[in-house]
PDB file of N, CA and C in Angstrom:
ATOM      1  N   ILE A   1       0.863  -1.170   0.000  1.00  0.00           N
ATOM      2  CA  ILE A   1       0.000   0.000   0.000  1.00  0.00           C
ATOM      3  C   ILE A   1       0.904   1.225   0.000  1.00  0.00           C
ATOM      4  N   ALA A   2       0.645   2.165  -0.880  1.00  0.00           N
ATOM      5  CA  ALA A   2       1.552   3.284  -1.105  1.00  0.00           C
ATOM      6  C   ALA A   2       1.383   4.432  -0.107  1.00  0.00           C
ATOM      7  N   TYR A   3       0.288   4.479   0.608  1.00  0.00           N
ATOM      8  CA  TYR A   3       0.050   5.613   1.493  1.00  0.00           C
ATOM      9  C   TYR A   3       0.097   5.179   2.944  1.00  0.00           C
ATOM     10  N   PRO A   4       0.799   5.930   3.809  1.00  0.00           N
ATOM     11  CA  PRO A   4       0.934   5.532   5.213  1.00  0.00           C
ATOM     12  C   PRO A   4      -0.411   5.369   5.926  1.00  0.00           C
ATOM     13  N   ARG A   5      -1.362   6.235   5.655  1.00  0.00           N
ATOM     14  CA  ARG A   5      -2.663   6.142   6.312  1.00  0.00           C
ATOM     15  C   ARG A   5      -3.334   4.810   5.986  1.00  0.00           C
ATOM     16  N   LEU A   6      -3.329   4.439   4.730  1.00  0.00           N
ATOM     17  CA  LEU A   6      -3.942   3.178   4.331  1.00  0.00           C
ATOM     18  C   LEU A   6      -3.174   1.983   4.879  1.00  0.00           C
ATOM     19  N   PHE A   7      -1.852   2.110   4.942  1.00  0.00           N
ATOM     20  CA  PHE A   7      -1.028   1.046   5.507  1.00  0.00           C
ATOM     21  C   PHE A   7      -1.392   0.804   6.963  1.00  0.00           C
ATOM     22  N   LEU A   8      -1.535   1.878   7.731  1.00  0.00           N
ATOM     23  CA  LEU A   8      -1.880   1.749   9.146  1.00  0.00           C
ATOM     24  C   LEU A   8      -3.293   1.215   9.337  1.00  0.00           C
ATOM     25  N   LEU A   9      -4.226   1.706   8.556  1.00  0.00           N
ATOM     26  CA  LEU A   9      -5.616   1.281   8.714  1.00  0.00           C
ATOM     27  C   LEU A   9      -5.849  -0.133   8.210  1.00  0.00           C
ATOM     28  N   ASP A  10      -5.010  -0.609   7.289  1.00  0.00           N
ATOM     29  CA  ASP A  10      -5.164  -1.952   6.744  1.00  0.00           C
ATOM     30  C   ASP A  10      -4.839  -3.027   7.780  1.00  0.00           C
ATOM     31  N   ASP A  11      -3.887  -2.760   8.653  1.00  0.00           N
ATOM     32  CA  ASP A  11      -3.481  -3.714   9.684  1.00  0.00           C
ATOM     33  C   ASP A  11      -4.168  -3.343  10.998  1.00  0.00           C
ATOM     34  N   SER A  12      -4.988  -4.233  11.529  1.00  0.00           N
ATOM     35  CA  SER A  12      -5.763  -3.910  12.729  1.00  0.00           C
ATOM     36  C   SER A  12      -4.867  -3.642  13.944  1.00  0.00           C
ATOM     37  N   SER A  13      -3.679  -4.235  13.984  1.00  0.00           N
ATOM     38  CA  SER A  13      -2.790  -3.978  15.118  1.00  0.00           C
ATOM     39  C   SER A  13      -2.125  -2.605  15.026  1.00  0.00           C
ATOM     40  N   LEU A  14      -2.091  -2.021  13.842  1.00  0.00           N
ATOM     41  CA  LEU A  14      -1.503  -0.689  13.664  1.00  0.00           C
ATOM     42  C   LEU A  14      -2.553   0.417  13.566  1.00  0.00           C
ATOM     43  N   ALA A  15      -3.820   0.050  13.451  1.00  0.00           N
ATOM     44  CA  ALA A  15      -4.872   1.055  13.267  1.00  0.00           C
ATOM     45  C   ALA A  15      -4.963   2.007  14.449  1.00  0.00           C
ATOM     46  N   ILE A  16      -4.634   1.530  15.657  1.00  0.00           N
ATOM     47  CA  ILE A  16      -4.679   2.398  16.830  1.00  0.00           C
ATOM     48  C   ILE A  16      -3.699   3.557  16.692  1.00  0.00           C
ATOM     49  N   TRP A  17      -2.567   3.312  16.020  1.00  0.00           N
ATOM     50  CA  TRP A  17      -1.600   4.396  15.808  1.00  0.00           C
ATOM     51  C   TRP A  17      -2.201   5.513  14.973  1.00  0.00           C
ATOM     52  N   HIS A  18      -2.978   5.137  13.988  1.00  0.00           N
ATOM     53  CA  HIS A  18      -3.595   6.180  13.177  1.00  0.00           C
ATOM     54  C   HIS A  18      -4.668   6.916  13.978  1.00  0.00           C
ATOM     55  N   HIS A  19      -5.536   6.182  14.603  1.00  0.00           N
ATOM     56  CA  HIS A  19      -6.662   6.817  15.299  1.00  0.00           C
ATOM     57  C   HIS A  19      -6.194   7.684  16.460  1.00  0.00           C
ATOM     58  N   PHE A  20      -5.301   7.171  17.291  1.00  0.00           N
ATOM     59  CA  PHE A  20      -4.839   7.958  18.427  1.00  0.00           C
ATOM     60  C   PHE A  20      -3.768   8.961  18.022  1.00  0.00           C
ATOM     61  N   GLY A  21      -2.750   8.470  17.330  1.00  0.00           N
ATOM     62  CA  GLY A  21      -1.605   9.318  17.000  1.00  0.00           C
ATOM     63  C   GLY A  21      -1.944  10.479  16.100  1.00  0.00           C
ATOM     64  N   MET A  22      -2.691  10.210  15.061  1.00  0.00           N
ATOM     65  CA  MET A  22      -3.019  11.294  14.133  1.00  0.00           C
ATOM     66  C   MET A  22      -3.991  12.280  14.757  1.00  0.00           C
ATOM     67  N   GLU A  23      -4.929  11.790  15.551  1.00  0.00           N
ATOM     68  CA  GLU A  23      -5.853  12.711  16.218  1.00  0.00           C
ATOM     69  C   GLU A  23      -5.107  13.611  17.189  1.00  0.00           C
ATOM     70  N   TRP A  24      -4.148  13.043  17.919  1.00  0.00           N
ATOM     71  CA  TRP A  24      -3.361  13.847  18.850  1.00  0.00           C
ATOM     72  C   TRP A  24      -2.574  14.898  18.076  1.00  0.00           C
ATOM     73  N   LYS A  25      -1.902  14.457  17.021  1.00  0.00           N
ATOM     74  CA  LYS A  25      -1.086  15.382  16.238  1.00  0.00           C
ATOM     75  C   LYS A  25      -1.920  16.480  15.612  1.00  0.00           C
ATOM     76  N   GLU A  26      -3.106  16.141  15.150  1.00  0.00           N
ATOM     77  CA  GLU A  26      -3.915  17.114  14.417  1.00  0.00           C
ATOM     78  C   GLU A  26      -4.744  18.014  15.323  1.00  0.00           C
ATOM     79  N   HIS A  27      -5.142  17.528  16.491  1.00  0.00           N
ATOM     80  CA  HIS A  27      -6.093  18.303  17.287  1.00  0.00           C
ATOM     81  C   HIS A  27      -5.585  18.758  18.645  1.00  0.00           C
ATOM     82  N   VAL A  28      -4.626  18.074  19.207  1.00  0.00           N
ATOM     83  CA  VAL A  28      -4.151  18.453  20.538  1.00  0.00           C
ATOM     84  C   VAL A  28      -2.853  19.241  20.462  1.00  0.00           C
ATOM     85  N   SER A  29      -1.937  18.819  19.589  1.00  0.00           N
ATOM     86  CA  SER A  29      -0.623  19.460  19.584  1.00  0.00           C
ATOM     87  C   SER A  29      -0.667  20.909  19.107  1.00  0.00           C
ATOM     88  N   TRP A  30      -1.694  21.304  18.405  1.00  0.00           N
ATOM     89  CA  TRP A  30      -1.762  22.709  17.993  1.00  0.00           C
ATOM     90  C   TRP A  30      -2.024  23.626  19.178  1.00  0.00           C
ATOM     91  N   LEU A  31      -2.386  23.061  20.313  1.00  0.00           N
ATOM     92  CA  LEU A  31      -2.562  23.873  21.517  1.00  0.00           C
ATOM     93  C   LEU A  31      -1.228  24.327  22.104  1.00  0.00           C
ATOM     94  N   ALA A  32      -0.138  23.630  21.781  1.00  0.00           N
ATOM     95  CA  ALA A  32       1.165  23.960  22.357  1.00  0.00           C
ATOM     96  C   ALA A  32       1.578  25.409  22.092  1.00  0.00           C
ATOM     97  N   PRO A  33       1.556  25.895  20.857  1.00  0.00           N
ATOM     98  CA  PRO A  33       1.944  27.301  20.668  1.00  0.00           C
ATOM     99  C   PRO A  33       0.955  28.278  21.292  1.00  0.00           C
ATOM    100  N   ILE A  34      -0.308  27.890  21.368  1.00  0.00           N
ATOM    101  CA  ILE A  34      -1.295  28.769  22.011  1.00  0.00           C
ATOM    102  C   ILE A  34      -0.998  28.869  23.504  1.00  0.00           C
ATOM    103  N   LEU A  35      -0.715  27.736  24.149  1.00  0.00           N
ATOM    104  CA  LEU A  35      -0.399  27.750  25.574  1.00  0.00           C
ATOM    105  C   LEU A  35       0.898  28.511  25.854  1.00  0.00           C
ATOM    106  N   ALA A  36       1.885  28.357  24.992  1.00  0.00           N
ATOM    107  CA  ALA A  36       3.133  29.102  25.167  1.00  0.00           C
ATOM    108  C   ALA A  36       2.905  30.604  25.018  1.00  0.00           C
ATOM    109  N   THR A  37       2.003  30.979  24.120  1.00  0.00           N
ATOM    110  CA  THR A  37       1.662  32.393  23.960  1.00  0.00           C
ATOM    111  C   THR A  37       0.931  32.918  25.181  1.00  0.00           C
ATOM    112  N   VAL A  38       0.078  32.101  25.775  1.00  0.00           N
ATOM    113  CA  VAL A  38      -0.614  32.487  27.008  1.00  0.00           C
ATOM    114  C   VAL A  38       0.405  32.772  28.109  1.00  0.00           C
ATOM    115  N   VAL A  39       1.403  31.916  28.236  1.00  0.00           N
ATOM    116  CA  VAL A  39       2.436  32.125  29.251  1.00  0.00           C
ATOM    117  C   VAL A  39       3.221  33.409  28.961  1.00  0.00           C
ATOM    118  N   ALA A  40       3.552  33.647  27.704  1.00  0.00           N
ATOM    119  CA  ALA A  40       4.268  34.878  27.353  1.00  0.00           C
ATOM    120  C   ALA A  40       3.428  36.106  27.694  1.00  0.00           C
ATOM    121  N   PHE A  41       2.134  36.034  27.456  1.00  0.00           N
ATOM    122  CA  PHE A  41       1.255  37.154  27.799  1.00  0.00           C
ATOM    123  C   PHE A  41       1.218  37.380  29.309  1.00  0.00           C
ATOM    124  N   ILE A  42       1.081  36.281  30.062  1.00  0.00           N
ATOM    125  CA  ILE A  42       1.037  36.404  31.525  1.00  0.00           C
ATOM    126  C   ILE A  42       2.331  37.022  32.045  1.00  0.00           C
ATOM    127  N   LEU A  43       3.461  36.560  31.526  1.00  0.00           N
ATOM    128  CA  LEU A  43       4.745  37.092  31.985  1.00  0.00           C
ATOM    129  C   LEU A  43       4.921  38.554  31.600  1.00  0.00           C
ATOM    130  N   THR A  44       4.416  38.933  30.448  1.00  0.00           N
ATOM    131  CA  THR A  44       4.534  40.325  30.015  1.00  0.00           C
ATOM    132  C   THR A  44       3.575  41.225  30.781  1.00  0.00           C
ATOM    133  N   ARG A  45       2.352  40.792  30.917  1.00  0.00           N
ATOM    134  CA  ARG A  45       1.315  41.618  31.548  1.00  0.00           C
ATOM    135  C   ARG A  45       1.510  41.755  33.055  1.00  0.00           C
ATOM    136  N   TYR A  46       1.921  40.671  33.705  1.00  0.00           N
ATOM    137  CA  TYR A  46       2.028  40.651  35.166  1.00  0.00           C
ATOM    138  C   TYR A  46       3.468  40.493  35.628  1.00  0.00           C
ATOM    139  N   ARG A  47       4.415  41.088  34.918  1.00  0.00           N
ATOM    140  CA  ARG A  47       5.832  40.860  35.220  1.00  0.00           C
ATOM    141  C   ARG A  47       6.218  41.286  36.635  1.00  0.00           C
ATOM    142  N   ASN A  48       5.652  42.358  37.159  1.00  0.00           N
ATOM    143  CA  ASN A  48       5.988  42.789  38.521  1.00  0.00           C
ATOM    144  C   ASN A  48       5.318  41.900  39.563  1.00  0.00           C
ATOM    145  N   GLN A  49       4.090  41.503  39.302  1.00  0.00           N
ATOM    146  CA  GLN A  49       3.337  40.703  40.258  1.00  0.00           C
ATOM    147  C   GLN A  49       3.845  39.259  40.321  1.00  0.00           C
ATOM    148  N   ILE A  50       4.266  38.723  39.200  1.00  0.00           N
ATOM    149  CA  ILE A  50       4.679  37.311  39.166  1.00  0.00           C
ATOM    150  C   ILE A  50       5.964  37.082  39.957  1.00  0.00           C
ATOM    151  N   ALA A  51       6.774  38.106  40.116  1.00  0.00           N
ATOM    152  CA  ALA A  51       8.014  37.971  40.882  1.00  0.00           C
ATOM    153  C   ALA A  51       7.732  37.757  42.370  1.00  0.00           C
ATOM    154  N   HIS A  52       6.579  38.212  42.828  1.00  0.00           N
ATOM    155  CA  HIS A  52       6.263  38.131  44.256  1.00  0.00           C
ATOM    156  C   HIS A  52       5.159  37.134  44.572  1.00  0.00           C
ATOM    157  N   ASP A  53       4.535  36.559  43.574  1.00  0.00           N
ATOM    158  CA  ASP A  53       3.401  35.656  43.795  1.00  0.00           C
ATOM    159  C   ASP A  53       3.773  34.230  43.362  1.00  0.00           C
ATOM    160  N   PRO A  54       4.093  33.367  44.321  1.00  0.00           N
ATOM    161  CA  PRO A  54       4.514  32.016  43.953  1.00  0.00           C
ATOM    162  C   PRO A  54       3.403  31.193  43.294  1.00  0.00           C
ATOM    163  N   GLU A  55       2.156  31.441  43.637  1.00  0.00           N
ATOM    164  CA  GLU A  55       1.049  30.707  43.017  1.00  0.00           C
ATOM    165  C   GLU A  55       0.922  31.049  41.531  1.00  0.00           C
ATOM    166  N   MET A  56       1.106  32.310  41.202  1.00  0.00           N
ATOM    167  CA  MET A  56       1.036  32.720  39.796  1.00  0.00           C
ATOM    168  C   MET A  56       2.206  32.126  39.014  1.00  0.00           C
ATOM    169  N   ARG A  57       3.382  32.096  39.639  1.00  0.00           N
ATOM    170  CA  ARG A  57       4.544  31.481  38.995  1.00  0.00           C
ATOM    171  C   ARG A  57       4.307  30.006  38.743  1.00  0.00           C
ATOM    172  N   LYS A  58       3.739  29.309  39.719  1.00  0.00           N
ATOM    173  CA  LYS A  58       3.456  27.886  39.566  1.00  0.00           C
ATOM    174  C   LYS A  58       2.442  27.653  38.442  1.00  0.00           C
ATOM    175  N   ALA A  59       1.422  28.505  38.375  1.00  0.00           N
ATOM    176  CA  ALA A  59       0.410  28.356  37.330  1.00  0.00           C
ATOM    177  C   ALA A  59       1.022  28.567  35.947  1.00  0.00           C
ATOM    178  N   ALA A  60       1.866  29.578  35.810  1.00  0.00           N
ATOM    179  CA  ALA A  60       2.514  29.838  34.521  1.00  0.00           C
ATOM    180  C   ALA A  60       3.436  28.682  34.134  1.00  0.00           C
ATOM    181  N   LEU A  61       4.184  28.158  35.093  1.00  0.00           N
ATOM    182  CA  LEU A  61       5.061  27.022  34.803  1.00  0.00           C
ATOM    183  C   LEU A  61       4.269  25.776  34.435  1.00  0.00           C
ATOM    184  N   LEU A  62       3.134  25.579  35.067  1.00  0.00           N
ATOM    185  CA  LEU A  62       2.290  24.425  34.754  1.00  0.00           C
ATOM    186  C   LEU A  62       1.745  24.509  33.328  1.00  0.00           C
ATOM    187  N   VAL A  63       1.282  25.681  32.932  1.00  0.00           N
ATOM    188  CA  VAL A  63       0.783  25.863  31.563  1.00  0.00           C
ATOM    189  C   VAL A  63       1.911  25.661  30.562  1.00  0.00           C
ATOM    190  N   TYR A  64       3.094  26.182  30.875  1.00  0.00           N
ATOM    191  CA  TYR A  64       4.249  26.018  29.997  1.00  0.00           C
ATOM    192  C   TYR A  64       4.645  24.543  29.896  1.00  0.00           C
ATOM    193  N   PHE A  65       4.579  23.822  31.015  1.00  0.00           N
ATOM    194  CA  PHE A  65       4.874  22.393  31.020  1.00  0.00           C
ATOM    195  C   PHE A  65       3.892  21.638  30.121  1.00  0.00           C
ATOM    196  N   PHE A  66       2.603  21.945  30.225  1.00  0.00           N
ATOM    197  CA  PHE A  66       1.606  21.296  29.373  1.00  0.00           C
ATOM    198  C   PHE A  66       1.854  21.591  27.897  1.00  0.00           C
ATOM    199  N   ALA A  67       2.276  22.808  27.583  1.00  0.00           N
ATOM    200  CA  ALA A  67       2.569  23.162  26.191  1.00  0.00           C
ATOM    201  C   ALA A  67       3.699  22.292  25.641  1.00  0.00           C
ATOM    202  N   PHE A  68       4.779  22.176  26.384  1.00  0.00           N
ATOM    203  CA  PHE A  68       5.906  21.376  25.904  1.00  0.00           C
ATOM    204  C   PHE A  68       5.604  19.881  25.930  1.00  0.00           C
ATOM    205  N   THR A  69       4.799  19.445  26.868  1.00  0.00           N
ATOM    206  CA  THR A  69       4.415  18.037  26.906  1.00  0.00           C
ATOM    207  C   THR A  69       3.578  17.677  25.689  1.00  0.00           C
ATOM    208  N   ALA A  70       2.603  18.517  25.351  1.00  0.00           N
ATOM    209  CA  ALA A  70       1.767  18.255  24.171  1.00  0.00           C
ATOM    210  C   ALA A  70       2.615  18.232  22.901  1.00  0.00           C
ATOM    211  N   ALA A  71       3.552  19.168  22.781  1.00  0.00           N
ATOM    212  CA  ALA A  71       4.411  19.204  21.599  1.00  0.00           C
ATOM    213  C   ALA A  71       5.342  17.986  21.558  1.00  0.00           C
ATOM    214  N   GLY A  72       5.860  17.587  22.708  1.00  0.00           N
ATOM    215  CA  GLY A  72       6.745  16.423  22.756  1.00  0.00           C
ATOM    216  C   GLY A  72       6.030  15.130  22.403  1.00  0.00           C
ATOM    217  N   ILE A  73       4.832  14.958  22.927  1.00  0.00           N
ATOM    218  CA  ILE A  73       4.063  13.754  22.605  1.00  0.00           C
ATOM    219  C   ILE A  73       3.722  13.726  21.121  1.00  0.00           C
ATOM    220  N   ALA A  74       3.353  14.865  20.564  1.00  0.00           N
ATOM    221  CA  ALA A  74       3.041  14.925  19.132  1.00  0.00           C
ATOM    222  C   ALA A  74       4.271  14.567  18.297  1.00  0.00           C
ATOM    223  N   GLY A  75       5.431  15.046  18.692  1.00  0.00           N
ATOM    224  CA  GLY A  75       6.658  14.706  17.972  1.00  0.00           C
ATOM    225  C   GLY A  75       6.992  13.231  18.053  1.00  0.00           C
ATOM    226  N   LEU A  76       6.847  12.651  19.243  1.00  0.00           N
ATOM    227  CA  LEU A  76       7.102  11.216  19.392  1.00  0.00           C
ATOM    228  C   LEU A  76       6.113  10.380  18.592  1.00  0.00           C
ATOM    229  N   LEU A  77       4.843  10.747  18.646  1.00  0.00           N
ATOM    230  CA  LEU A  77       3.847  10.007  17.864  1.00  0.00           C
ATOM    231  C   LEU A  77       4.132  10.120  16.374  1.00  0.00           C
ATOM    232  N   GLY A  78       4.545  11.294  15.935  1.00  0.00           N
ATOM    233  CA  GLY A  78       4.902  11.460  14.530  1.00  0.00           C
ATOM    234  C   GLY A  78       6.067  10.573  14.138  1.00  0.00           C
ATOM    235  N   ALA A  79       7.064  10.476  15.012  1.00  0.00           N
ATOM    236  CA  ALA A  79       8.213   9.616  14.730  1.00  0.00           C
ATOM    237  C   ALA A  79       7.812   8.145  14.700  1.00  0.00           C
ATOM    238  N   PHE A  80       6.971   7.740  15.653  1.00  0.00           N
ATOM    239  CA  PHE A  80       6.529   6.343  15.688  1.00  0.00           C
ATOM    240  C   PHE A  80       5.688   5.992  14.476  1.00  0.00           C
ATOM    241  N   ILE A  81       4.791   6.891  14.109  1.00  0.00           N
ATOM    242  CA  ILE A  81       3.932   6.628  12.940  1.00  0.00           C
ATOM    243  C   ILE A  81       4.779   6.571  11.678  1.00  0.00           C
ATOM    244  N   ASN A  82       5.747   7.470  11.559  1.00  0.00           N
ATOM    245  CA  ASN A  82       6.610   7.465  10.383  1.00  0.00           C
ATOM    246  C   ASN A  82       7.463   6.195  10.332  1.00  0.00           C
ATOM    247  N   LYS A  83       7.836   5.684  11.488  1.00  0.00           N
ATOM    248  CA  LYS A  83       8.619   4.443  11.518  1.00  0.00           C
ATOM    249  C   LYS A  83       7.759   3.245  11.126  1.00  0.00           C
ATOM    250  N   ALA A  84       6.494   3.248  11.588  1.00  0.00           N
ATOM    251  CA  ALA A  84       5.598   2.135  11.268  1.00  0.00           C
ATOM    252  C   ALA A  84       5.117   2.189   9.824  1.00  0.00           C
ATOM    253  N   ALA A  85       4.933   3.389   9.303  1.00  0.00           N
ATOM    254  CA  ALA A  85       4.418   3.543   7.937  1.00  0.00           C
ATOM    255  C   ALA A  85       5.186   4.646   7.232  1.00  0.00           C
ATOM    256  N   PRO A  86       6.417   4.381   6.815  1.00  0.00           N
ATOM    257  CA  PRO A  86       7.212   5.430   6.170  1.00  0.00           C
ATOM    258  C   PRO A  86       6.600   5.869   4.841  1.00  0.00           C
ATOM    259  N   ILE A  87       6.828   7.115   4.541  1.00  0.00           N
ATOM    260  CA  ILE A  87       6.350   7.651   3.262  1.00  0.00           C
ATOM    261  C   ILE A  87       7.291   7.136   2.164  1.00  0.00           C
ATOM    262  N   PRO A  88       6.736   6.514   1.138  1.00  0.00           N
ATOM    263  CA  PRO A  88       7.602   5.926   0.085  1.00  0.00           C
ATOM    264  C   PRO A  88       8.320   6.973  -0.736  1.00  0.00           C
TER     265      PRO A  88
END
C-alpha cells in the first residue's frame, strides 16, 4: 500500500496508531503554541506581580509544562507513525 494512512488502517494492530496518533497530532498538539503564547502574555502583563506571587509562577510554569508536553508527545507520535508507515 503506497500511502501511510492506508497502511496503518489496513493492519488492525496498527490502526490504533492512526486513530490515536493522528488525532493527537492534528487536534491536541496545535494547543502547544497557544499555551506558550498564554504564558508569554502572563509574563509580560504581570511581570511585577509574578516575581512576588509564587502561586502565579506555579500556574505559569504548569501551563508552559503542558505546552511542551503536548508538543513532545506529538513529535514522538509522529516519529513512531513514520517508523511504522514510512512515506515511500
